């Protein structure tokens, strides 16, 4: 990661880092790139579990994202690590369970923002991005819709306060 001290750094967090958080990373990175802001905003993703380390996102996530113009194929799963707390200004969980892990493992001196990603889409009725892994039907598409809305809100927040 090559960033300047003024770069805002965002980490998206779910359980396995193969569905929700890589989708958030891919969508948000594209939103940032479309605005020409890669020099100001950096995004990454991870999981609170290390079951899928080094693996690409779930094929269903890749396919759903591709249909909407996002490329997730180069992303690889990785677990949350202590260095993340000293690297990222925003650590955004996809659900309450992963938010609890982020808060529990946070060092006392962490000065960044830990919260739910969907807090940046206050008009949505959902507060959590549902895990589509075991679901059927359009779960991966619903994840994309939620992530797109929250990405727009997050980007607006970073531009306003950055």
N, C-alpha and C. Protein backbone atom coordinates (compact mmCIF):
# COMPACT_ATOMS: atom_id res chain seq x y z
N UNK A 1 0.85 -1.17 0.00
CA UNK A 1 0.00 0.00 0.00
C UNK A 1 0.89 1.23 0.00
N UNK A 2 0.74 2.04 -1.00
CA UNK A 2 1.49 3.29 -1.10
C UNK A 2 0.52 4.45 -0.93
N UNK A 3 0.54 5.06 0.24
CA UNK A 3 -0.35 6.18 0.51
C UNK A 3 0.44 7.29 1.19
N UNK A 4 -0.05 8.51 1.03
CA UNK A 4 0.57 9.64 1.71
C UNK A 4 -0.09 9.81 3.07
N UNK A 5 0.52 10.61 3.95
CA UNK A 5 -0.08 10.83 5.27
C UNK A 5 -1.49 11.43 5.19
N UNK A 6 -1.80 12.15 4.12
CA UNK A 6 -3.12 12.77 4.01
C UNK A 6 -4.16 11.83 3.41
N UNK A 7 -3.75 10.63 3.00
CA UNK A 7 -4.69 9.66 2.44
C UNK A 7 -5.61 9.15 3.54
N UNK A 8 -6.90 9.11 3.23
CA UNK A 8 -7.87 8.51 4.14
C UNK A 8 -7.93 7.02 3.81
N UNK A 9 -7.88 6.20 4.83
CA UNK A 9 -7.81 4.75 4.64
C UNK A 9 -9.03 4.07 5.26
N UNK A 10 -9.69 3.24 4.43
CA UNK A 10 -10.93 2.58 4.82
C UNK A 10 -10.76 1.07 4.72
N UNK A 11 -11.19 0.36 5.77
CA UNK A 11 -11.16 -1.10 5.78
C UNK A 11 -12.57 -1.63 5.94
N UNK A 12 -13.00 -2.48 5.02
CA UNK A 12 -14.30 -3.13 5.07
C UNK A 12 -14.12 -4.52 5.67
N UNK A 13 -15.00 -4.88 6.61
CA UNK A 13 -14.79 -6.11 7.38
C UNK A 13 -16.06 -6.96 7.41
N UNK A 14 -15.90 -8.24 7.06
CA UNK A 14 -16.98 -9.21 7.25
C UNK A 14 -16.35 -10.46 7.88
N UNK A 15 -17.02 -11.58 7.82
CA UNK A 15 -16.52 -12.78 8.49
C UNK A 15 -15.39 -13.45 7.72
N UNK A 16 -15.65 -13.87 6.49
CA UNK A 16 -14.66 -14.64 5.75
C UNK A 16 -13.91 -13.88 4.68
N UNK A 17 -14.34 -12.66 4.38
CA UNK A 17 -13.70 -11.81 3.37
C UNK A 17 -13.77 -12.43 1.97
N UNK A 18 -14.92 -13.08 1.68
CA UNK A 18 -15.10 -13.60 0.32
C UNK A 18 -16.41 -13.16 -0.33
N UNK A 19 -17.29 -12.52 0.42
CA UNK A 19 -18.57 -12.07 -0.16
C UNK A 19 -18.78 -10.57 0.05
N UNK A 20 -19.14 -10.20 1.27
CA UNK A 20 -19.57 -8.82 1.52
C UNK A 20 -18.43 -7.82 1.50
N UNK A 21 -17.38 -8.05 2.28
CA UNK A 21 -16.33 -7.02 2.36
C UNK A 21 -15.54 -6.86 1.06
N UNK A 22 -15.25 -7.93 0.29
CA UNK A 22 -14.60 -7.66 -0.99
C UNK A 22 -15.53 -6.95 -1.97
N UNK A 23 -16.82 -7.22 -1.88
CA UNK A 23 -17.77 -6.49 -2.71
C UNK A 23 -17.73 -5.01 -2.35
N UNK A 24 -17.73 -4.71 -1.06
CA UNK A 24 -17.64 -3.32 -0.61
C UNK A 24 -16.34 -2.67 -1.08
N UNK A 25 -15.25 -3.39 -0.95
CA UNK A 25 -13.96 -2.86 -1.41
C UNK A 25 -13.99 -2.56 -2.90
N UNK A 26 -14.47 -3.50 -3.70
CA UNK A 26 -14.50 -3.31 -5.15
C UNK A 26 -15.40 -2.18 -5.58
N UNK A 27 -16.60 -2.11 -5.00
CA UNK A 27 -17.53 -1.03 -5.34
C UNK A 27 -16.97 0.31 -4.91
N UNK A 28 -16.47 0.39 -3.68
CA UNK A 28 -15.96 1.66 -3.18
C UNK A 28 -14.73 2.11 -3.97
N UNK A 29 -13.82 1.19 -4.27
CA UNK A 29 -12.64 1.56 -5.06
C UNK A 29 -13.04 2.13 -6.42
N UNK A 30 -14.06 1.53 -7.05
CA UNK A 30 -14.50 2.05 -8.35
C UNK A 30 -15.11 3.44 -8.19
N UNK A 31 -15.89 3.65 -7.15
CA UNK A 31 -16.46 4.97 -6.89
C UNK A 31 -15.33 6.01 -6.73
N UNK A 32 -14.31 5.63 -5.99
CA UNK A 32 -13.16 6.51 -5.75
C UNK A 32 -12.42 6.77 -7.07
N UNK A 33 -12.16 5.71 -7.84
CA UNK A 33 -11.45 5.87 -9.11
C UNK A 33 -12.25 6.70 -10.11
N UNK A 34 -13.56 6.50 -10.14
CA UNK A 34 -14.39 7.27 -11.06
C UNK A 34 -14.32 8.76 -10.79
N UNK A 35 -14.03 9.12 -9.56
CA UNK A 35 -13.90 10.53 -9.18
C UNK A 35 -12.44 11.00 -9.23
N UNK A 36 -11.51 10.10 -9.59
CA UNK A 36 -10.10 10.47 -9.67
C UNK A 36 -9.48 10.74 -8.31
N UNK A 37 -9.93 10.01 -7.28
CA UNK A 37 -9.50 10.29 -5.91
C UNK A 37 -8.58 9.22 -5.31
N UNK A 38 -8.01 8.37 -6.16
CA UNK A 38 -7.16 7.30 -5.64
C UNK A 38 -6.00 7.81 -4.81
N UNK A 39 -5.54 9.02 -5.07
CA UNK A 39 -4.44 9.61 -4.31
C UNK A 39 -4.88 10.09 -2.93
N UNK A 40 -6.19 10.20 -2.70
CA UNK A 40 -6.71 10.71 -1.42
C UNK A 40 -7.39 9.65 -0.57
N UNK A 41 -7.88 8.57 -1.21
CA UNK A 41 -8.66 7.57 -0.48
C UNK A 41 -8.18 6.17 -0.88
N UNK A 42 -7.87 5.36 0.13
CA UNK A 42 -7.43 3.99 -0.08
C UNK A 42 -8.42 3.04 0.59
N UNK A 43 -8.75 1.94 -0.06
CA UNK A 43 -9.68 0.96 0.52
C UNK A 43 -9.09 -0.44 0.47
N UNK A 44 -9.45 -1.23 1.47
CA UNK A 44 -9.03 -2.64 1.55
C UNK A 44 -10.16 -3.37 2.26
N UNK A 45 -10.04 -4.69 2.35
CA UNK A 45 -11.04 -5.48 3.07
C UNK A 45 -10.36 -6.64 3.76
N UNK A 46 -11.06 -7.18 4.76
CA UNK A 46 -10.54 -8.34 5.49
C UNK A 46 -11.70 -9.06 6.16
N UNK A 47 -11.37 -10.19 6.77
CA UNK A 47 -12.36 -10.96 7.51
C UNK A 47 -11.92 -11.14 8.94
N UNK A 48 -12.88 -11.32 9.82
CA UNK A 48 -12.53 -11.57 11.22
C UNK A 48 -12.14 -13.03 11.44
N UNK A 49 -12.39 -13.88 10.45
CA UNK A 49 -11.95 -15.28 10.48
C UNK A 49 -10.95 -15.48 9.34
N UNK A 50 -10.07 -16.44 9.49
CA UNK A 50 -9.03 -16.64 8.48
C UNK A 50 -9.25 -17.87 7.61
N UNK A 51 -10.47 -18.35 7.53
CA UNK A 51 -10.76 -19.58 6.79
C UNK A 51 -10.38 -19.52 5.32
N UNK A 52 -10.45 -18.36 4.70
CA UNK A 52 -10.28 -18.25 3.25
C UNK A 52 -9.04 -17.47 2.83
N UNK A 53 -8.08 -17.31 3.71
CA UNK A 53 -6.89 -16.51 3.42
C UNK A 53 -6.28 -16.87 2.07
N UNK A 54 -6.04 -15.82 1.27
CA UNK A 54 -5.41 -16.00 -0.02
C UNK A 54 -6.34 -16.39 -1.15
N UNK A 55 -7.60 -16.65 -0.84
CA UNK A 55 -8.56 -17.08 -1.86
C UNK A 55 -9.28 -15.88 -2.46
N UNK A 56 -9.73 -16.02 -3.71
CA UNK A 56 -10.50 -14.93 -4.32
C UNK A 56 -11.90 -14.87 -3.73
N UNK A 57 -12.63 -13.81 -4.02
CA UNK A 57 -14.02 -13.75 -3.57
C UNK A 57 -14.84 -14.91 -4.14
N UNK A 58 -15.95 -15.19 -3.48
CA UNK A 58 -16.89 -16.21 -3.92
C UNK A 58 -17.26 -15.94 -5.38
N UNK A 59 -17.35 -17.00 -6.18
CA UNK A 59 -17.65 -16.85 -7.61
C UNK A 59 -18.98 -16.12 -7.83
N UNK A 60 -19.93 -16.31 -6.94
CA UNK A 60 -21.22 -15.62 -7.07
C UNK A 60 -21.07 -14.12 -6.83
N UNK A 61 -20.19 -13.74 -5.91
CA UNK A 61 -19.91 -12.31 -5.70
C UNK A 61 -19.25 -11.71 -6.92
N UNK A 62 -18.28 -12.42 -7.47
CA UNK A 62 -17.58 -11.94 -8.67
C UNK A 62 -18.56 -11.76 -9.82
N UNK A 63 -19.43 -12.75 -10.02
CA UNK A 63 -20.39 -12.70 -11.14
C UNK A 63 -21.39 -11.56 -10.96
N UNK A 64 -21.94 -11.41 -9.77
CA UNK A 64 -22.90 -10.34 -9.52
C UNK A 64 -22.24 -8.98 -9.72
N UNK A 65 -21.04 -8.82 -9.20
CA UNK A 65 -20.32 -7.56 -9.35
C UNK A 65 -20.02 -7.27 -10.81
N UNK A 66 -19.60 -8.28 -11.54
CA UNK A 66 -19.27 -8.10 -12.96
C UNK A 66 -20.49 -7.58 -13.73
N UNK A 67 -21.67 -8.12 -13.41
CA UNK A 67 -22.90 -7.68 -14.09
C UNK A 67 -23.19 -6.20 -13.83
N UNK A 68 -22.66 -5.66 -12.74
CA UNK A 68 -22.89 -4.25 -12.42
C UNK A 68 -21.67 -3.38 -12.74
N UNK A 69 -20.64 -3.97 -13.38
CA UNK A 69 -19.49 -3.18 -13.80
C UNK A 69 -18.34 -3.10 -12.82
N UNK A 70 -18.30 -4.02 -11.85
CA UNK A 70 -17.21 -4.04 -10.86
C UNK A 70 -16.36 -5.28 -11.06
N UNK A 71 -15.06 -5.14 -10.88
CA UNK A 71 -14.14 -6.27 -11.04
C UNK A 71 -13.54 -6.64 -9.69
N UNK A 72 -13.89 -7.81 -9.19
CA UNK A 72 -13.38 -8.29 -7.90
C UNK A 72 -12.33 -9.38 -8.04
N UNK A 73 -12.03 -9.79 -9.26
CA UNK A 73 -11.21 -10.99 -9.47
C UNK A 73 -9.81 -10.92 -8.88
N UNK A 74 -9.21 -9.76 -8.80
CA UNK A 74 -7.84 -9.65 -8.28
C UNK A 74 -7.78 -9.64 -6.76
N UNK A 75 -8.91 -9.46 -6.10
CA UNK A 75 -8.93 -9.38 -4.64
C UNK A 75 -8.67 -10.75 -4.02
N UNK A 76 -8.02 -10.74 -2.84
CA UNK A 76 -7.74 -11.98 -2.12
C UNK A 76 -8.07 -11.78 -0.65
N UNK A 77 -8.66 -12.81 -0.08
CA UNK A 77 -9.08 -12.75 1.32
C UNK A 77 -7.87 -12.70 2.25
N UNK A 78 -8.06 -11.97 3.34
CA UNK A 78 -7.05 -11.92 4.38
C UNK A 78 -7.75 -11.70 5.72
N UNK A 79 -7.11 -12.14 6.80
CA UNK A 79 -7.73 -11.91 8.11
C UNK A 79 -7.38 -10.53 8.68
N UNK A 80 -8.23 -10.07 9.56
CA UNK A 80 -7.97 -8.87 10.35
C UNK A 80 -6.68 -9.08 11.14
N UNK A 81 -5.84 -8.05 11.22
CA UNK A 81 -4.61 -8.15 12.01
C UNK A 81 -4.44 -6.86 12.82
N UNK A 82 -3.61 -6.90 13.84
CA UNK A 82 -3.47 -5.76 14.74
C UNK A 82 -2.95 -4.52 14.01
N UNK A 83 -2.15 -4.72 12.95
CA UNK A 83 -1.63 -3.58 12.20
C UNK A 83 -2.75 -2.75 11.57
N UNK A 84 -3.89 -3.40 11.29
CA UNK A 84 -5.00 -2.68 10.67
C UNK A 84 -5.46 -1.50 11.52
N UNK A 85 -5.38 -1.65 12.83
CA UNK A 85 -5.81 -0.57 13.72
C UNK A 85 -4.87 0.63 13.65
N UNK A 86 -3.66 0.41 13.19
CA UNK A 86 -2.69 1.50 13.07
C UNK A 86 -2.54 1.98 11.63
N UNK A 87 -3.34 1.39 10.74
CA UNK A 87 -3.29 1.73 9.32
C UNK A 87 -4.54 2.42 8.83
N UNK A 88 -5.70 2.01 9.34
CA UNK A 88 -6.97 2.46 8.78
C UNK A 88 -7.68 3.48 9.67
N UNK A 89 -8.19 4.52 9.02
CA UNK A 89 -8.94 5.57 9.70
C UNK A 89 -10.39 5.16 9.95
N UNK A 90 -10.92 4.35 9.06
CA UNK A 90 -12.29 3.84 9.15
C UNK A 90 -12.24 2.32 9.06
N UNK A 91 -12.84 1.65 10.03
CA UNK A 91 -12.97 0.20 10.02
C UNK A 91 -14.47 -0.08 10.07
N UNK A 92 -15.00 -0.55 8.94
CA UNK A 92 -16.45 -0.63 8.77
C UNK A 92 -16.90 -2.08 8.63
N UNK A 93 -17.67 -2.51 9.61
CA UNK A 93 -18.18 -3.89 9.65
C UNK A 93 -19.46 -4.01 8.85
N UNK A 94 -19.67 -5.19 8.30
CA UNK A 94 -20.88 -5.46 7.55
C UNK A 94 -22.06 -5.80 8.45
N UNK A 95 -21.76 -6.24 9.68
CA UNK A 95 -22.84 -6.63 10.59
C UNK A 95 -22.39 -6.44 12.04
N UNK A 96 -23.36 -6.57 12.95
CA UNK A 96 -23.10 -6.36 14.38
C UNK A 96 -22.08 -7.35 14.94
N UNK A 97 -22.13 -8.59 14.48
CA UNK A 97 -21.21 -9.61 14.98
C UNK A 97 -19.76 -9.23 14.70
N UNK A 98 -19.48 -8.81 13.48
CA UNK A 98 -18.11 -8.40 13.12
C UNK A 98 -17.75 -7.06 13.73
N UNK A 99 -18.73 -6.20 13.94
CA UNK A 99 -18.49 -4.94 14.64
C UNK A 99 -18.02 -5.22 16.07
N UNK A 100 -18.65 -6.18 16.71
CA UNK A 100 -18.25 -6.55 18.07
C UNK A 100 -16.81 -7.03 18.11
N UNK A 101 -16.40 -7.81 17.12
CA UNK A 101 -15.00 -8.27 17.06
C UNK A 101 -14.07 -7.08 16.90
N UNK A 102 -14.41 -6.16 16.00
CA UNK A 102 -13.55 -4.98 15.80
C UNK A 102 -13.40 -4.19 17.09
N UNK A 103 -14.50 -3.99 17.78
CA UNK A 103 -14.44 -3.22 19.04
C UNK A 103 -13.69 -3.97 20.12
N UNK A 104 -13.91 -5.25 20.23
CA UNK A 104 -13.27 -6.06 21.28
C UNK A 104 -11.74 -6.11 21.08
N UNK A 105 -11.31 -6.19 19.85
CA UNK A 105 -9.87 -6.32 19.57
C UNK A 105 -9.16 -4.98 19.39
N UNK A 106 -9.92 -3.91 19.40
CA UNK A 106 -9.34 -2.59 19.18
C UNK A 106 -8.40 -2.19 20.32
N UNK A 107 -7.20 -1.71 19.96
CA UNK A 107 -6.31 -1.19 21.00
C UNK A 107 -6.92 0.06 21.65
N UNK A 108 -6.59 0.30 22.88
CA UNK A 108 -7.13 1.44 23.60
C UNK A 108 -6.79 2.77 22.93
N UNK A 109 -5.67 2.81 22.19
CA UNK A 109 -5.26 4.06 21.57
C UNK A 109 -5.76 4.23 20.12
N UNK A 110 -6.64 3.35 19.67
CA UNK A 110 -7.16 3.50 18.31
C UNK A 110 -8.00 4.78 18.25
N UNK A 111 -7.65 5.66 17.32
CA UNK A 111 -8.31 6.96 17.23
C UNK A 111 -9.25 7.09 16.03
N UNK A 112 -9.37 6.01 15.26
CA UNK A 112 -10.20 6.07 14.07
C UNK A 112 -11.66 5.75 14.37
N UNK A 113 -12.41 5.55 13.31
CA UNK A 113 -13.84 5.27 13.39
C UNK A 113 -14.09 3.78 13.20
N UNK A 114 -14.76 3.17 14.15
CA UNK A 114 -15.22 1.79 14.03
C UNK A 114 -16.75 1.84 14.03
N UNK A 115 -17.35 1.28 13.01
CA UNK A 115 -18.81 1.32 12.94
C UNK A 115 -19.34 0.38 11.88
N UNK A 116 -20.65 0.44 11.68
CA UNK A 116 -21.31 -0.35 10.64
C UNK A 116 -21.24 0.40 9.32
N UNK A 117 -20.97 -0.31 8.26
CA UNK A 117 -20.88 0.30 6.93
C UNK A 117 -22.21 0.94 6.54
N UNK A 118 -23.32 0.28 6.84
CA UNK A 118 -24.61 0.82 6.43
C UNK A 118 -25.03 2.07 7.20
N UNK A 119 -24.26 2.46 8.22
CA UNK A 119 -24.52 3.74 8.86
C UNK A 119 -24.35 4.90 7.88
N UNK A 120 -23.64 4.65 6.79
CA UNK A 120 -23.43 5.68 5.77
C UNK A 120 -24.55 5.69 4.73
N UNK A 121 -25.58 4.88 4.96
CA UNK A 121 -26.78 4.88 4.12
C UNK A 121 -27.98 4.93 5.04
N UNK A 122 -28.16 6.05 5.75
CA UNK A 122 -29.20 6.12 6.79
C UNK A 122 -30.63 5.98 6.26
N UNK A 123 -30.85 6.17 4.98
CA UNK A 123 -32.20 6.05 4.42
C UNK A 123 -32.61 4.60 4.20
N UNK A 124 -31.66 3.67 4.27
CA UNK A 124 -32.00 2.26 4.10
C UNK A 124 -32.62 1.71 5.38
N UNK A 125 -33.56 0.78 5.26
CA UNK A 125 -34.14 0.18 6.46
C UNK A 125 -33.18 -0.80 7.14
N UNK A 126 -32.26 -1.36 6.39
CA UNK A 126 -31.29 -2.32 6.94
C UNK A 126 -30.17 -1.60 7.67
N UNK A 127 -29.66 -2.21 8.72
CA UNK A 127 -28.47 -1.70 9.40
C UNK A 127 -27.28 -2.62 9.17
N UNK A 128 -27.56 -3.84 8.70
CA UNK A 128 -26.50 -4.82 8.44
C UNK A 128 -26.58 -5.29 6.99
N UNK A 129 -25.41 -5.56 6.40
CA UNK A 129 -25.36 -6.18 5.09
C UNK A 129 -25.50 -7.69 5.32
N UNK A 130 -26.58 -8.31 4.83
CA UNK A 130 -26.78 -9.74 5.10
C UNK A 130 -25.75 -10.60 4.38
N UNK A 131 -25.36 -11.68 5.02
CA UNK A 131 -24.40 -12.60 4.43
C UNK A 131 -25.12 -13.47 3.40
N UNK A 132 -24.74 -13.36 2.11
CA UNK A 132 -25.45 -14.10 1.07
C UNK A 132 -24.92 -15.52 0.88
N UNK A 133 -23.88 -15.91 1.59
CA UNK A 133 -23.15 -17.14 1.30
C UNK A 133 -24.06 -18.37 1.24
N UNK A 134 -24.91 -18.55 2.23
CA UNK A 134 -25.76 -19.74 2.26
C UNK A 134 -27.15 -19.50 1.68
N UNK A 135 -27.39 -18.30 1.23
CA UNK A 135 -28.70 -17.95 0.72
C UNK A 135 -28.91 -18.36 -0.73
N UNK A 136 -30.11 -18.17 -1.16
CA UNK A 136 -30.50 -18.48 -2.54
C UNK A 136 -30.93 -17.18 -3.22
N UNK A 137 -31.11 -17.26 -4.51
CA UNK A 137 -31.71 -16.16 -5.24
C UNK A 137 -30.83 -14.94 -5.38
N UNK A 138 -31.42 -13.79 -5.09
CA UNK A 138 -30.75 -12.52 -5.39
C UNK A 138 -29.97 -11.93 -4.22
N UNK A 139 -29.53 -12.74 -3.29
CA UNK A 139 -28.79 -12.23 -2.13
C UNK A 139 -27.54 -11.45 -2.49
N UNK A 140 -26.82 -11.90 -3.51
CA UNK A 140 -25.59 -11.21 -3.90
C UNK A 140 -25.91 -9.87 -4.56
N UNK A 141 -27.03 -9.82 -5.28
CA UNK A 141 -27.46 -8.56 -5.86
C UNK A 141 -27.91 -7.58 -4.79
N UNK A 142 -28.59 -8.08 -3.76
CA UNK A 142 -29.02 -7.21 -2.66
C UNK A 142 -27.80 -6.64 -1.95
N UNK A 143 -26.78 -7.46 -1.75
CA UNK A 143 -25.53 -6.98 -1.14
C UNK A 143 -24.98 -5.83 -1.97
N UNK A 144 -24.95 -5.98 -3.28
CA UNK A 144 -24.45 -4.91 -4.15
C UNK A 144 -25.26 -3.63 -4.00
N UNK A 145 -26.57 -3.74 -3.95
CA UNK A 145 -27.42 -2.56 -3.80
C UNK A 145 -27.13 -1.83 -2.49
N UNK A 146 -27.02 -2.58 -1.41
CA UNK A 146 -26.73 -1.98 -0.11
C UNK A 146 -25.35 -1.33 -0.10
N UNK A 147 -24.38 -2.04 -0.65
CA UNK A 147 -23.00 -1.56 -0.69
C UNK A 147 -22.88 -0.30 -1.55
N UNK A 148 -23.59 -0.26 -2.67
CA UNK A 148 -23.55 0.93 -3.52
C UNK A 148 -24.08 2.15 -2.77
N UNK A 149 -25.20 1.97 -2.08
CA UNK A 149 -25.79 3.09 -1.33
C UNK A 149 -24.85 3.57 -0.23
N UNK A 150 -24.28 2.64 0.53
CA UNK A 150 -23.38 3.01 1.62
C UNK A 150 -22.07 3.60 1.08
N UNK A 151 -21.61 3.11 -0.06
CA UNK A 151 -20.38 3.65 -0.66
C UNK A 151 -20.56 5.11 -1.03
N UNK A 152 -21.71 5.44 -1.58
CA UNK A 152 -21.97 6.84 -1.94
C UNK A 152 -21.98 7.72 -0.70
N UNK A 153 -22.61 7.23 0.38
CA UNK A 153 -22.65 8.00 1.62
C UNK A 153 -21.28 8.14 2.25
N UNK A 154 -20.50 7.07 2.23
CA UNK A 154 -19.15 7.11 2.79
C UNK A 154 -18.27 8.07 2.00
N UNK A 155 -18.35 8.00 0.70
CA UNK A 155 -17.53 8.89 -0.11
C UNK A 155 -17.89 10.35 0.16
N UNK A 156 -19.17 10.63 0.25
CA UNK A 156 -19.60 12.01 0.57
C UNK A 156 -19.05 12.44 1.93
N UNK A 157 -19.08 11.55 2.92
CA UNK A 157 -18.54 11.85 4.24
C UNK A 157 -17.04 12.14 4.18
N UNK A 158 -16.30 11.30 3.48
CA UNK A 158 -14.85 11.50 3.39
C UNK A 158 -14.50 12.79 2.68
N UNK A 159 -15.25 13.12 1.65
CA UNK A 159 -14.99 14.38 0.92
C UNK A 159 -15.34 15.59 1.76
N UNK A 160 -16.38 15.47 2.57
CA UNK A 160 -16.79 16.59 3.41
C UNK A 160 -15.82 16.82 4.57
N UNK A 161 -15.31 15.72 5.14
CA UNK A 161 -14.45 15.85 6.34
C UNK A 161 -12.98 15.59 6.05
N UNK A 162 -12.64 15.34 4.82
CA UNK A 162 -11.25 15.01 4.51
C UNK A 162 -10.56 16.15 3.95
